[in-house]
Amino acid sequence: MYTYRIHRLREHLRRQFRYAPHVSGRAQVKPRDYEAGDSIQADSPYRAFFALRDGGKPLDVGDLLEAGDGSLRIFKFVGFEEAVWVLPEVKTPTESGGPGGAPAGGSDVTEPARA
């Protein structure tokens, strides 16, 4: 039996997700778009779906189940499909520039020579 953590899609994004075209392959999801919820124990994502539905807190389209090993399954109209978290790229201080947002090493603007 597996333990699945439930991630609910934020309400303001549900309509957008519902009307987006279906794409095949692994879905890329952003952690900021989800609210972590309870956990449930089940043999498969489908058993978890039915247990939640019968328990009065059903999964809605766009919700995620995260297994103990970190694998994600997103609930779509066609069933569950693989998903992965898309994390923002972390920039080091030298990549993001110096103080005030200026690029490290000076500016790109060349100043005219003064006489």
PDB file of N, CA and C in Angstrom:
ATOM      1  N   MET A   1       0.846  -1.173   0.000  1.00  0.00           N
ATOM      2  CA  MET A   1       0.000   0.000   0.000  1.00  0.00           C
ATOM      3  C   MET A   1       0.895   1.241   0.000  1.00  0.00           C
ATOM      4  N   TYR A   2       0.516   2.250  -0.733  1.00  0.00           N
ATOM      5  CA  TYR A   2       1.285   3.476  -0.867  1.00  0.00           C
ATOM      6  C   TYR A   2       0.587   4.603  -0.115  1.00  0.00           C
ATOM      7  N   THR A   3       1.383   5.581   0.301  1.00  0.00           N
ATOM      8  CA  THR A   3       0.827   6.796   0.885  1.00  0.00           C
ATOM      9  C   THR A   3       0.971   7.903  -0.150  1.00  0.00           C
ATOM     10  N   TYR A   4      -0.138   8.529  -0.473  1.00  0.00           N
ATOM     11  CA  TYR A   4      -0.155   9.615  -1.456  1.00  0.00           C
ATOM     12  C   TYR A   4      -0.468  10.924  -0.747  1.00  0.00           C
ATOM     13  N   ARG A   5       0.321  11.933  -1.036  1.00  0.00           N
ATOM     14  CA  ARG A   5       0.027  13.279  -0.538  1.00  0.00           C
ATOM     15  C   ARG A   5      -0.800  13.982  -1.602  1.00  0.00           C
ATOM     16  N   ILE A   6      -1.840  14.639  -1.163  1.00  0.00           N
ATOM     17  CA  ILE A   6      -2.763  15.306  -2.082  1.00  0.00           C
ATOM     18  C   ILE A   6      -2.355  16.765  -2.231  1.00  0.00           C
ATOM     19  N   HIS A   7      -2.262  17.214  -3.478  1.00  0.00           N
ATOM     20  CA  HIS A   7      -2.001  18.622  -3.792  1.00  0.00           C
ATOM     21  C   HIS A   7      -3.194  19.118  -4.597  1.00  0.00           C
ATOM     22  N   ARG A   8      -3.902  20.100  -4.048  1.00  0.00           N
ATOM     23  CA  ARG A   8      -5.090  20.645  -4.715  1.00  0.00           C
ATOM     24  C   ARG A   8      -4.708  21.879  -5.538  1.00  0.00           C
ATOM     25  N   LEU A   9      -5.173  21.891  -6.778  1.00  0.00           N
ATOM     26  CA  LEU A   9      -4.949  23.042  -7.650  1.00  0.00           C
ATOM     27  C   LEU A   9      -5.673  24.242  -7.063  1.00  0.00           C
ATOM     28  N   ARG A  10      -5.028  25.389  -7.051  1.00  0.00           N
ATOM     29  CA  ARG A  10      -5.654  26.605  -6.507  1.00  0.00           C
ATOM     30  C   ARG A  10      -6.897  26.952  -7.330  1.00  0.00           C
ATOM     31  N   GLU A  11      -7.921  27.407  -6.624  1.00  0.00           N
ATOM     32  CA  GLU A  11      -9.229  27.636  -7.245  1.00  0.00           C
ATOM     33  C   GLU A  11      -9.178  28.576  -8.440  1.00  0.00           C
ATOM     34  N   HIS A  12      -8.395  29.641  -8.377  1.00  0.00           N
ATOM     35  CA  HIS A  12      -8.381  30.610  -9.476  1.00  0.00           C
ATOM     36  C   HIS A  12      -7.759  30.041 -10.758  1.00  0.00           C
ATOM     37  N   LEU A  13      -7.127  28.868 -10.673  1.00  0.00           N
ATOM     38  CA  LEU A  13      -6.507  28.251 -11.854  1.00  0.00           C
ATOM     39  C   LEU A  13      -7.345  27.113 -12.439  1.00  0.00           C
ATOM     40  N   ARG A  14      -8.409  26.724 -11.759  1.00  0.00           N
ATOM     41  CA  ARG A  14      -9.199  25.565 -12.204  1.00  0.00           C
ATOM     42  C   ARG A  14      -9.824  25.773 -13.580  1.00  0.00           C
ATOM     43  N   ARG A  15     -10.400  26.901 -13.826  1.00  0.00           N
ATOM     44  CA  ARG A  15     -11.052  27.152 -15.120  1.00  0.00           C
ATOM     45  C   ARG A  15     -10.034  27.097 -16.255  1.00  0.00           C
ATOM     46  N   GLN A  16      -8.889  27.721 -16.029  1.00  0.00           N
ATOM     47  CA  GLN A  16      -7.825  27.726 -17.045  1.00  0.00           C
ATOM     48  C   GLN A  16      -7.373  26.298 -17.345  1.00  0.00           C
ATOM     49  N   PHE A  17      -7.207  25.486 -16.315  1.00  0.00           N
ATOM     50  CA  PHE A  17      -6.775  24.108 -16.514  1.00  0.00           C
ATOM     51  C   PHE A  17      -7.858  23.310 -17.240  1.00  0.00           C
ATOM     52  N   ARG A  18      -9.091  23.509 -16.841  1.00  0.00           N
ATOM     53  CA  ARG A  18     -10.204  22.747 -17.414  1.00  0.00           C
ATOM     54  C   ARG A  18     -10.320  22.972 -18.921  1.00  0.00           C
ATOM     55  N   TYR A  19     -10.077  24.189 -19.379  1.00  0.00           N
ATOM     56  CA  TYR A  19     -10.267  24.500 -20.793  1.00  0.00           C
ATOM     57  C   TYR A  19      -8.985  24.438 -21.617  1.00  0.00           C
ATOM     58  N   ALA A  20      -7.878  24.109 -20.985  1.00  0.00           N
ATOM     59  CA  ALA A  20      -6.621  23.975 -21.733  1.00  0.00           C
ATOM     60  C   ALA A  20      -6.679  22.711 -22.590  1.00  0.00           C
ATOM     61  N   PRO A  21      -6.062  22.718 -23.760  1.00  0.00           N
ATOM     62  CA  PRO A  21      -6.065  21.516 -24.597  1.00  0.00           C
ATOM     63  C   PRO A  21      -5.288  20.384 -23.938  1.00  0.00           C
ATOM     64  N   HIS A  22      -5.728  19.172 -24.180  1.00  0.00           N
ATOM     65  CA  HIS A  22      -5.039  18.000 -23.627  1.00  0.00           C
ATOM     66  C   HIS A  22      -3.749  17.777 -24.399  1.00  0.00           C
ATOM     67  N   VAL A  23      -2.680  17.600 -23.663  1.00  0.00           N
ATOM     68  CA  VAL A  23      -1.397  17.288 -24.287  1.00  0.00           C
ATOM     69  C   VAL A  23      -0.914  15.961 -23.728  1.00  0.00           C
ATOM     70  N   SER A  24      -0.282  15.192 -24.570  1.00  0.00           N
ATOM     71  CA  SER A  24       0.241  13.910 -24.106  1.00  0.00           C
ATOM     72  C   SER A  24       1.641  14.117 -23.550  1.00  0.00           C
ATOM     73  N   GLY A  25       2.101  13.154 -22.821  1.00  0.00           N
ATOM     74  CA  GLY A  25       3.421  13.254 -22.221  1.00  0.00           C
ATOM     75  C   GLY A  25       3.330  13.713 -20.783  1.00  0.00           C
ATOM     76  N   ARG A  26       4.471  13.915 -20.203  1.00  0.00           N
ATOM     77  CA  ARG A  26       4.576  14.283 -18.802  1.00  0.00           C
ATOM     78  C   ARG A  26       4.166  15.742 -18.609  1.00  0.00           C
ATOM     79  N   ALA A  27       3.217  15.982 -17.721  1.00  0.00           N
ATOM     80  CA  ALA A  27       2.767  17.341 -17.424  1.00  0.00           C
ATOM     81  C   ALA A  27       3.799  18.032 -16.542  1.00  0.00           C
ATOM     82  N   GLN A  28       4.016  19.302 -16.791  1.00  0.00           N
ATOM     83  CA  GLN A  28       4.929  20.095 -15.977  1.00  0.00           C
ATOM     84  C   GLN A  28       4.091  21.031 -15.121  1.00  0.00           C
ATOM     85  N   VAL A  29       4.233  20.911 -13.799  1.00  0.00           N
ATOM     86  CA  VAL A  29       3.413  21.688 -12.874  1.00  0.00           C
ATOM     87  C   VAL A  29       4.297  22.506 -11.945  1.00  0.00           C
ATOM     88  N   LYS A  30       3.774  23.652 -11.500  1.00  0.00           N
ATOM     89  CA  LYS A  30       4.515  24.550 -10.627  1.00  0.00           C
ATOM     90  C   LYS A  30       4.005  24.410  -9.195  1.00  0.00           C
ATOM     91  N   PRO A  31       4.896  24.242  -8.239  1.00  0.00           N
ATOM     92  CA  PRO A  31       4.466  24.105  -6.846  1.00  0.00           C
ATOM     93  C   PRO A  31       3.610  25.267  -6.355  1.00  0.00           C
ATOM     94  N   ARG A  32       3.861  26.489  -6.849  1.00  0.00           N
ATOM     95  CA  ARG A  32       3.098  27.647  -6.393  1.00  0.00           C
ATOM     96  C   ARG A  32       1.620  27.578  -6.795  1.00  0.00           C
ATOM     97  N   ASP A  33       1.287  26.727  -7.773  1.00  0.00           N
ATOM     98  CA  ASP A  33      -0.093  26.603  -8.238  1.00  0.00           C
ATOM     99  C   ASP A  33      -0.919  25.622  -7.408  1.00  0.00           C
ATOM    100  N   TYR A  34      -0.298  25.015  -6.401  1.00  0.00           N
ATOM    101  CA  TYR A  34      -0.959  23.960  -5.627  1.00  0.00           C
ATOM    102  C   TYR A  34      -0.894  24.231  -4.137  1.00  0.00           C
ATOM    103  N   GLU A  35      -1.908  23.735  -3.436  1.00  0.00           N
ATOM    104  CA  GLU A  35      -1.946  23.772  -1.979  1.00  0.00           C
ATOM    105  C   GLU A  35      -1.816  22.342  -1.482  1.00  0.00           C
ATOM    106  N   ALA A  36      -0.832  22.103  -0.629  1.00  0.00           N
ATOM    107  CA  ALA A  36      -0.639  20.761  -0.079  1.00  0.00           C
ATOM    108  C   ALA A  36      -1.793  20.438   0.856  1.00  0.00           C
ATOM    109  N   GLY A  37      -2.241  19.193   0.782  1.00  0.00           N
ATOM    110  CA  GLY A  37      -3.364  18.771   1.609  1.00  0.00           C
ATOM    111  C   GLY A  37      -3.041  17.555   2.428  1.00  0.00           C
ATOM    112  N   ASP A  38      -4.052  16.778   2.678  1.00  0.00           N
ATOM    113  CA  ASP A  38      -3.928  15.563   3.477  1.00  0.00           C
ATOM    114  C   ASP A  38      -3.203  14.472   2.704  1.00  0.00           C
ATOM    115  N   SER A  39      -3.042  13.343   3.359  1.00  0.00           N
ATOM    116  CA  SER A  39      -2.481  12.152   2.729  1.00  0.00           C
ATOM    117  C   SER A  39      -3.525  11.047   2.766  1.00  0.00           C
ATOM    118  N   ILE A  40      -3.355  10.091   1.878  1.00  0.00           N
ATOM    119  CA  ILE A  40      -4.261   8.946   1.829  1.00  0.00           C
ATOM    120  C   ILE A  40      -3.447   7.706   1.492  1.00  0.00           C
ATOM    121  N   GLN A  41      -3.840   6.589   2.058  1.00  0.00           N
ATOM    122  CA  GLN A  41      -3.178   5.325   1.744  1.00  0.00           C
ATOM    123  C   GLN A  41      -4.059   4.541   0.787  1.00  0.00           C
ATOM    124  N   ALA A  42      -3.437   4.056  -0.285  1.00  0.00           N
ATOM    125  CA  ALA A  42      -4.164   3.286  -1.294  1.00  0.00           C
ATOM    126  C   ALA A  42      -3.180   2.458  -2.099  1.00  0.00           C
ATOM    127  N   ASP A  43      -3.698   1.458  -2.807  1.00  0.00           N
ATOM    128  CA  ASP A  43      -2.867   0.595  -3.639  1.00  0.00           C
ATOM    129  C   ASP A  43      -2.465   1.245  -4.953  1.00  0.00           C
ATOM    130  N   SER A  44      -3.248   2.232  -5.414  1.00  0.00           N
ATOM    131  CA  SER A  44      -2.976   2.890  -6.689  1.00  0.00           C
ATOM    132  C   SER A  44      -3.636   4.269  -6.674  1.00  0.00           C
ATOM    133  N   PRO A  45      -3.261   5.140  -7.614  1.00  0.00           N
ATOM    134  CA  PRO A  45      -3.927   6.440  -7.690  1.00  0.00           C
ATOM    135  C   PRO A  45      -5.437   6.305  -7.905  1.00  0.00           C
ATOM    136  N   TYR A  46      -5.865   5.288  -8.648  1.00  0.00           N
ATOM    137  CA  TYR A  46      -7.292   5.124  -8.909  1.00  0.00           C
ATOM    138  C   TYR A  46      -8.047   4.716  -7.649  1.00  0.00           C
ATOM    139  N   ARG A  47      -7.438   3.859  -6.836  1.00  0.00           N
ATOM    140  CA  ARG A  47      -8.073   3.497  -5.558  1.00  0.00           C
ATOM    141  C   ARG A  47      -8.132   4.708  -4.640  1.00  0.00           C
ATOM    142  N   ALA A  48      -7.104   5.534  -4.659  1.00  0.00           N
ATOM    143  CA  ALA A  48      -7.123   6.768  -3.870  1.00  0.00           C
ATOM    144  C   ALA A  48      -8.249   7.675  -4.362  1.00  0.00           C
ATOM    145  N   PHE A  49      -8.406   7.787  -5.679  1.00  0.00           N
ATOM    146  CA  PHE A  49      -9.481   8.602  -6.257  1.00  0.00           C
ATOM    147  C   PHE A  49     -10.848   8.146  -5.757  1.00  0.00           C
ATOM    148  N   PHE A  50     -11.109   6.842  -5.819  1.00  0.00           N
ATOM    149  CA  PHE A  50     -12.408   6.333  -5.403  1.00  0.00           C
ATOM    150  C   PHE A  50     -12.621   6.473  -3.898  1.00  0.00           C
ATOM    151  N   ALA A  51     -11.564   6.279  -3.112  1.00  0.00           N
ATOM    152  CA  ALA A  51     -11.684   6.438  -1.661  1.00  0.00           C
ATOM    153  C   ALA A  51     -11.996   7.891  -1.304  1.00  0.00           C
ATOM    154  N   LEU A  52     -11.347   8.830  -1.973  1.00  0.00           N
ATOM    155  CA  LEU A  52     -11.618  10.249  -1.724  1.00  0.00           C
ATOM    156  C   LEU A  52     -13.025  10.629  -2.173  1.00  0.00           C
ATOM    157  N   ARG A  53     -13.433  10.103  -3.301  1.00  0.00           N
ATOM    158  CA  ARG A  53     -14.780  10.395  -3.803  1.00  0.00           C
ATOM    159  C   ARG A  53     -15.838   9.874  -2.839  1.00  0.00           C
ATOM    160  N   ASP A  54     -15.644   8.641  -2.357  1.00  0.00           N
ATOM    161  CA  ASP A  54     -16.606   8.055  -1.432  1.00  0.00           C
ATOM    162  C   ASP A  54     -16.550   8.716  -0.062  1.00  0.00           C
ATOM    163  N   GLY A  55     -15.410   9.316   0.280  1.00  0.00           N
ATOM    164  CA  GLY A  55     -15.244   9.973   1.568  1.00  0.00           C
ATOM    165  C   GLY A  55     -15.743  11.400   1.608  1.00  0.00           C
ATOM    166  N   GLY A  56     -16.198  11.930   0.490  1.00  0.00           N
ATOM    167  CA  GLY A  56     -16.758  13.275   0.461  1.00  0.00           C
ATOM    168  C   GLY A  56     -15.791  14.386   0.102  1.00  0.00           C
ATOM    169  N   LYS A  57     -14.537  14.063  -0.160  1.00  0.00           N
ATOM    170  CA  LYS A  57     -13.553  15.067  -0.581  1.00  0.00           C
ATOM    171  C   LYS A  57     -12.929  14.634  -1.891  1.00  0.00           C
ATOM    172  N   PRO A  58     -13.693  14.590  -2.975  1.00  0.00           N
ATOM    173  CA  PRO A  58     -13.173  14.041  -4.237  1.00  0.00           C
ATOM    174  C   PRO A  58     -12.069  14.899  -4.848  1.00  0.00           C
ATOM    175  N   LEU A  59     -11.221  14.249  -5.622  1.00  0.00           N
ATOM    176  CA  LEU A  59     -10.233  14.969  -6.416  1.00  0.00           C
ATOM    177  C   LEU A  59     -10.954  15.670  -7.546  1.00  0.00           C
ATOM    178  N   ASP A  60     -10.451  16.811  -7.925  1.00  0.00           N
ATOM    179  CA  ASP A  60     -10.997  17.535  -9.066  1.00  0.00           C
ATOM    180  C   ASP A  60      -9.942  17.535 -10.163  1.00  0.00           C
ATOM    181  N   VAL A  61     -10.358  17.791 -11.367  1.00  0.00           N
ATOM    182  CA  VAL A  61      -9.433  17.830 -12.497  1.00  0.00           C
ATOM    183  C   VAL A  61      -8.349  18.863 -12.205  1.00  0.00           C
ATOM    184  N   GLY A  62      -7.089  18.422 -12.353  1.00  0.00           N
ATOM    185  CA  GLY A  62      -5.947  19.291 -12.095  1.00  0.00           C
ATOM    186  C   GLY A  62      -5.259  19.000 -10.782  1.00  0.00           C
ATOM    187  N   ASP A  63      -5.901  18.251  -9.886  1.00  0.00           N
ATOM    188  CA  ASP A  63      -5.297  17.905  -8.604  1.00  0.00           C
ATOM    189  C   ASP A  63      -4.206  16.858  -8.798  1.00  0.00           C
ATOM    190  N   LEU A  64      -3.273  16.809  -7.842  1.00  0.00           N
ATOM    191  CA  LEU A  64      -2.131  15.899  -7.921  1.00  0.00           C
ATOM    192  C   LEU A  64      -2.116  14.919  -6.759  1.00  0.00           C
ATOM    193  N   LEU A  65      -1.561  13.746  -7.024  1.00  0.00           N
ATOM    194  CA  LEU A  65      -1.221  12.782  -5.987  1.00  0.00           C
ATOM    195  C   LEU A  65       0.283  12.570  -6.056  1.00  0.00           C
ATOM    196  N   GLU A  66       0.951  12.752  -4.917  1.00  0.00           N
ATOM    197  CA  GLU A  66       2.396  12.563  -4.849  1.00  0.00           C
ATOM    198  C   GLU A  66       2.689  11.326  -4.021  1.00  0.00           C
ATOM    199  N   ALA A  67       3.340  10.355  -4.626  1.00  0.00           N
ATOM    200  CA  ALA A  67       3.697   9.114  -3.941  1.00  0.00           C
ATOM    201  C   ALA A  67       4.883   9.360  -3.013  1.00  0.00           C
ATOM    202  N   GLY A  68       5.127   8.413  -2.129  1.00  0.00           N
ATOM    203  CA  GLY A  68       6.224   8.520  -1.181  1.00  0.00           C
ATOM    204  C   GLY A  68       7.583   8.658  -1.832  1.00  0.00           C
ATOM    205  N   ASP A  69       7.738   8.132  -3.051  1.00  0.00           N
ATOM    206  CA  ASP A  69       9.019   8.233  -3.759  1.00  0.00           C
ATOM    207  C   ASP A  69       9.166   9.550  -4.525  1.00  0.00           C
ATOM    208  N   GLY A  70       8.167  10.439  -4.417  1.00  0.00           N
ATOM    209  CA  GLY A  70       8.237  11.744  -5.078  1.00  0.00           C
ATOM    210  C   GLY A  70       7.597  11.793  -6.447  1.00  0.00           C
ATOM    211  N   SER A  71       7.163  10.641  -6.972  1.00  0.00           N
ATOM    212  CA  SER A  71       6.523  10.652  -8.285  1.00  0.00           C
ATOM    213  C   SER A  71       5.148  11.289  -8.179  1.00  0.00           C
ATOM    214  N   LEU A  72       4.774  12.027  -9.231  1.00  0.00           N
ATOM    215  CA  LEU A  72       3.504  12.751  -9.259  1.00  0.00           C
ATOM    216  C   LEU A  72       2.572  12.167 -10.304  1.00  0.00           C
ATOM    217  N   ARG A  73       1.284  12.175  -9.992  1.00  0.00           N
ATOM    218  CA  ARG A  73       0.227  11.820 -10.939  1.00  0.00           C
ATOM    219  C   ARG A  73      -0.793  12.944 -10.908  1.00  0.00           C
ATOM    220  N   ILE A  74      -1.104  13.474 -12.086  1.00  0.00           N
ATOM    221  CA  ILE A  74      -2.092  14.540 -12.189  1.00  0.00           C
ATOM    222  C   ILE A  74      -3.407  13.950 -12.675  1.00  0.00           C
ATOM    223  N   PHE A  75      -4.502  14.373 -12.071  1.00  0.00           N
ATOM    224  CA  PHE A  75      -5.819  13.884 -12.440  1.00  0.00           C
ATOM    225  C   PHE A  75      -6.366  14.732 -13.582  1.00  0.00           C
ATOM    226  N   LYS A  76      -6.597  14.091 -14.720  1.00  0.00           N
ATOM    227  CA  LYS A  76      -7.163  14.744 -15.896  1.00  0.00           C
ATOM    228  C   LYS A  76      -8.459  14.046 -16.267  1.00  0.00           C
ATOM    229  N   PHE A  77      -9.147  14.555 -17.257  1.00  0.00           N
ATOM    230  CA  PHE A  77     -10.401  13.944 -17.711  1.00  0.00           C
ATOM    231  C   PHE A  77     -10.200  12.504 -18.161  1.00  0.00           C
ATOM    232  N   VAL A  78      -9.031  12.194 -18.663  1.00  0.00           N
ATOM    233  CA  VAL A  78      -8.756  10.858 -19.196  1.00  0.00           C
ATOM    234  C   VAL A  78      -8.195   9.910 -18.146  1.00  0.00           C
ATOM    235  N   GLY A  79      -8.015  10.378 -16.931  1.00  0.00           N
ATOM    236  CA  GLY A  79      -7.462   9.560 -15.864  1.00  0.00           C
ATOM    237  C   GLY A  79      -6.222  10.215 -15.285  1.00  0.00           C
ATOM    238  N   PHE A  80      -5.335   9.419 -14.736  1.00  0.00           N
ATOM    239  CA  PHE A  80      -4.108   9.937 -14.143  1.00  0.00           C
ATOM    240  C   PHE A  80      -2.966   9.830 -15.145  1.00  0.00           C
ATOM    241  N   GLU A  81      -2.156  10.887 -15.186  1.00  0.00           N
ATOM    242  CA  GLU A  81      -0.974  10.909 -16.037  1.00  0.00           C
ATOM    243  C   GLU A  81       0.218  11.378 -15.230  1.00  0.00           C
ATOM    244  N   GLU A  82       1.414  11.074 -15.714  1.00  0.00           N
ATOM    245  CA  GLU A  82       2.643  11.490 -15.041  1.00  0.00           C
ATOM    246  C   GLU A  82       2.765  13.002 -15.048  1.00  0.00           C
ATOM    247  N   ALA A  83       3.396  13.512 -13.994  1.00  0.00           N
ATOM    248  CA  ALA A  83       3.677  14.940 -13.893  1.00  0.00           C
ATOM    249  C   ALA A  83       5.019  15.119 -13.196  1.00  0.00           C
ATOM    250  N   VAL A  84       5.620  16.276 -13.380  1.00  0.00           N
ATOM    251  CA  VAL A  84       6.867  16.632 -12.706  1.00  0.00           C
ATOM    252  C   VAL A  84       6.772  18.080 -12.240  1.00  0.00           C
ATOM    253  N   TRP A  85       7.426  18.359 -11.133  1.00  0.00           N
ATOM    254  CA  TRP A  85       7.499  19.734 -10.652  1.00  0.00           C
ATOM    255  C   TRP A  85       8.448  20.524 -11.546  1.00  0.00           C
ATOM    256  N   VAL A  86       8.072  21.741 -11.873  1.00  0.00           N
ATOM    257  CA  VAL A  86       8.945  22.672 -12.586  1.00  0.00           C
ATOM    258  C   VAL A  86       9.355  23.705 -11.555  1.00  0.00           C
ATOM    259  N   LEU A  87      10.633  23.688 -11.205  1.00  0.00           N
ATOM    260  CA  LEU A  87      11.132  24.599 -10.183  1.00  0.00           C
ATOM    261  C   LEU A  87      11.809  25.789 -10.839  1.00  0.00           C
ATOM    262  N   PRO A  88      11.659  26.980 -10.236  1.00  0.00           N
ATOM    263  CA  PRO A  88      12.319  28.150 -10.811  1.00  0.00           C
ATOM    264  C   PRO A  88      13.831  28.003 -10.735  1.00  0.00           C
ATOM    265  N   GLU A  89      14.502  28.543 -11.724  1.00  0.00           N
ATOM    266  CA  GLU A  89      15.954  28.481 -11.763  1.00  0.00           C
ATOM    267  C   GLU A  89      16.518  29.419 -10.704  1.00  0.00           C
ATOM    268  N   VAL A  90      17.423  28.916  -9.895  1.00  0.00           N
ATOM    269  CA  VAL A  90      18.040  29.719  -8.846  1.00  0.00           C
ATOM    270  C   VAL A  90      19.280  30.381  -9.415  1.00  0.00           C
ATOM    271  N   LYS A  91      19.323  31.709  -9.308  1.00  0.00           N
ATOM    272  CA  LYS A  91      20.478  32.443  -9.828  1.00  0.00           C
ATOM    273  C   LYS A  91      21.418  32.774  -8.689  1.00  0.00           C
ATOM    274  N   THR A  92      22.688  32.637  -8.965  1.00  0.00           N
ATOM    275  CA  THR A  92      23.695  33.012  -7.975  1.00  0.00           C
ATOM    276  C   THR A  92      23.866  34.523  -8.030  1.00  0.00           C
ATOM    277  N   PRO A  93      24.427  35.130  -6.979  1.00  0.00           N
ATOM    278  CA  PRO A  93      24.605  36.593  -6.989  1.00  0.00           C
ATOM    279  C   PRO A  93      25.405  37.094  -8.179  1.00  0.00           C
ATOM    280  N   THR A  94      26.373  36.329  -8.684  1.00  0.00           N
ATOM    281  CA  THR A  94      27.160  36.790  -9.829  1.00  0.00           C
ATOM    282  C   THR A  94      26.352  36.740 -11.117  1.00  0.00           C
ATOM    283  N   GLU A  95      25.365  35.847 -11.204  1.00  0.00           N
ATOM    284  CA  GLU A  95      24.532  35.767 -12.404  1.00  0.00           C
ATOM    285  C   GLU A  95      23.477  36.851 -12.421  1.00  0.00           C
ATOM    286  N   SER A  96      22.967  37.225 -11.233  1.00  0.00           N
ATOM    287  CA  SER A  96      21.875  38.188 -11.187  1.00  0.00           C
ATOM    288  C   SER A  96      22.364  39.622 -11.224  1.00  0.00           C
ATOM    289  N   GLY A  97      23.661  39.835 -11.102  1.00  0.00           N
ATOM    290  CA  GLY A  97      24.199  41.176 -11.210  1.00  0.00           C
ATOM    291  C   GLY A  97      24.670  41.707  -9.875  1.00  0.00           C
ATOM    292  N   GLY A  98      25.249  42.856  -9.931  1.00  0.00           N
ATOM    293  CA  GLY A  98      25.762  43.494  -8.729  1.00  0.00           C
ATOM    294  C   GLY A  98      24.650  44.215  -7.987  1.00  0.00           C
ATOM    295  N   PRO A  99      25.007  45.081  -7.056  1.00  0.00           N
ATOM    296  CA  PRO A  99      24.010  45.833  -6.298  1.00  0.00           C
ATOM    297  C   PRO A  99      23.159  46.692  -7.219  1.00  0.00           C
ATOM    298  N   GLY A 100      21.884  46.774  -6.909  1.00  0.00           N
ATOM    299  CA  GLY A 100      20.990  47.597  -7.715  1.00  0.00           C
ATOM    300  C   GLY A 100      20.595  46.972  -9.026  1.00  0.00           C
ATOM    301  N   GLY A 101      20.919  45.711  -9.231  1.00  0.00           N
ATOM    302  CA  GLY A 101      20.502  45.020 -10.435  1.00  0.00           C
ATOM    303  C   GLY A 101      21.414  45.227 -11.623  1.00  0.00           C
ATOM    304  N   ALA A 102      22.499  45.991 -11.446  1.00  0.00           N
ATOM    305  CA  ALA A 102      23.423  46.204 -12.551  1.00  0.00           C
ATOM    306  C   ALA A 102      24.215  44.927 -12.777  1.00  0.00           C
ATOM    307  N   PRO A 103      24.509  44.589 -14.012  1.00  0.00           N
ATOM    308  CA  PRO A 103      25.282  43.381 -14.270  1.00  0.00           C
ATOM    309  C   PRO A 103      26.646  43.456 -13.601  1.00  0.00           C
ATOM    310  N   ALA A 104      27.131  42.332 -13.124  1.00  0.00           N
ATOM    311  CA  ALA A 104      28.447  42.291 -12.513  1.00  0.00           C
ATOM    312  C   ALA A 104      29.499  42.674 -13.544  1.00  0.00           C
ATOM    313  N   GLY A 105      30.465  43.459 -13.135  1.00  0.00           N
ATOM    314  CA  GLY A 105      31.542  43.827 -14.053  1.00  0.00           C
ATOM    315  C   GLY A 105      31.278  45.133 -14.771  1.00  0.00           C
ATOM    316  N   GLY A 106      30.266  45.882 -14.403  1.00  0.00           N
ATOM    317  CA  GLY A 106      30.023  47.170 -15.033  1.00  0.00           C
ATOM    318  C   GLY A 106      28.765  47.169 -15.861  1.00  0.00           C
ATOM    319  N   SER A 107      28.556  48.245 -16.558  1.00  0.00           N
ATOM    320  CA  SER A 107      27.344  48.374 -17.343  1.00  0.00           C
ATOM    321  C   SER A 107      27.647  48.134 -18.816  1.00  0.00           C
ATOM    322  N   ASP A 108      26.594  47.877 -19.566  1.00  0.00           N
ATOM    323  CA  ASP A 108      26.750  47.655 -20.999  1.00  0.00           C
ATOM    324  C   ASP A 108      26.814  48.964 -21.776  1.00  0.00           C
ATOM    325  N   VAL A 109      26.500  50.078 -21.134  1.00  0.00           N
ATOM    326  CA  VAL A 109      26.482  51.369 -21.794  1.00  0.00           C
ATOM    327  C   VAL A 109      27.887  51.971 -21.753  1.00  0.00           C
ATOM    328  N   THR A 110      28.397  52.388 -22.894  1.00  0.00           N
ATOM    329  CA  THR A 110      29.715  52.999 -22.983  1.00  0.00           C
ATOM    330  C   THR A 110      29.552  54.496 -22.819  1.00  0.00           C
ATOM    331  N   GLU A 111      30.304  55.061 -21.896  1.00  0.00           N
ATOM    332  CA  GLU A 111      30.206  56.498 -21.666  1.00  0.00           C
ATOM    333  C   GLU A 111      31.130  57.228 -22.640  1.00  0.00           C
ATOM    334  N   PRO A 112      30.704  58.383 -23.122  1.00  0.00           N
ATOM    335  CA  PRO A 112      31.564  59.159 -24.028  1.00  0.00           C
ATOM    336  C   PRO A 112      32.785  59.698 -23.304  1.00  0.00           C
ATOM    337  N   ALA A 113      33.888  59.825 -24.032  1.00  0.00           N
ATOM    338  CA  ALA A 113      35.113  60.358 -23.455  1.00  0.00           C
ATOM    339  C   ALA A 113      34.938  61.851 -23.206  1.00  0.00           C
ATOM    340  N   ARG A 114      35.447  62.314 -22.076  1.00  0.00           N
ATOM    341  CA  ARG A 114      35.349  63.745 -21.751  1.00  0.00           C
ATOM    342  C   ARG A 114      36.689  64.421 -22.023  1.00  0.00           C
ATOM    343  N   ALA A 115      36.605  65.606 -22.541  1.00  0.00           N
ATOM    344  CA  ALA A 115      37.831  66.364 -22.857  1.00  0.00           C
ATOM    345  C   ALA A 115      38.211  67.300 -21.784  1.00  0.00           C
TER     346      ALA A 115
END
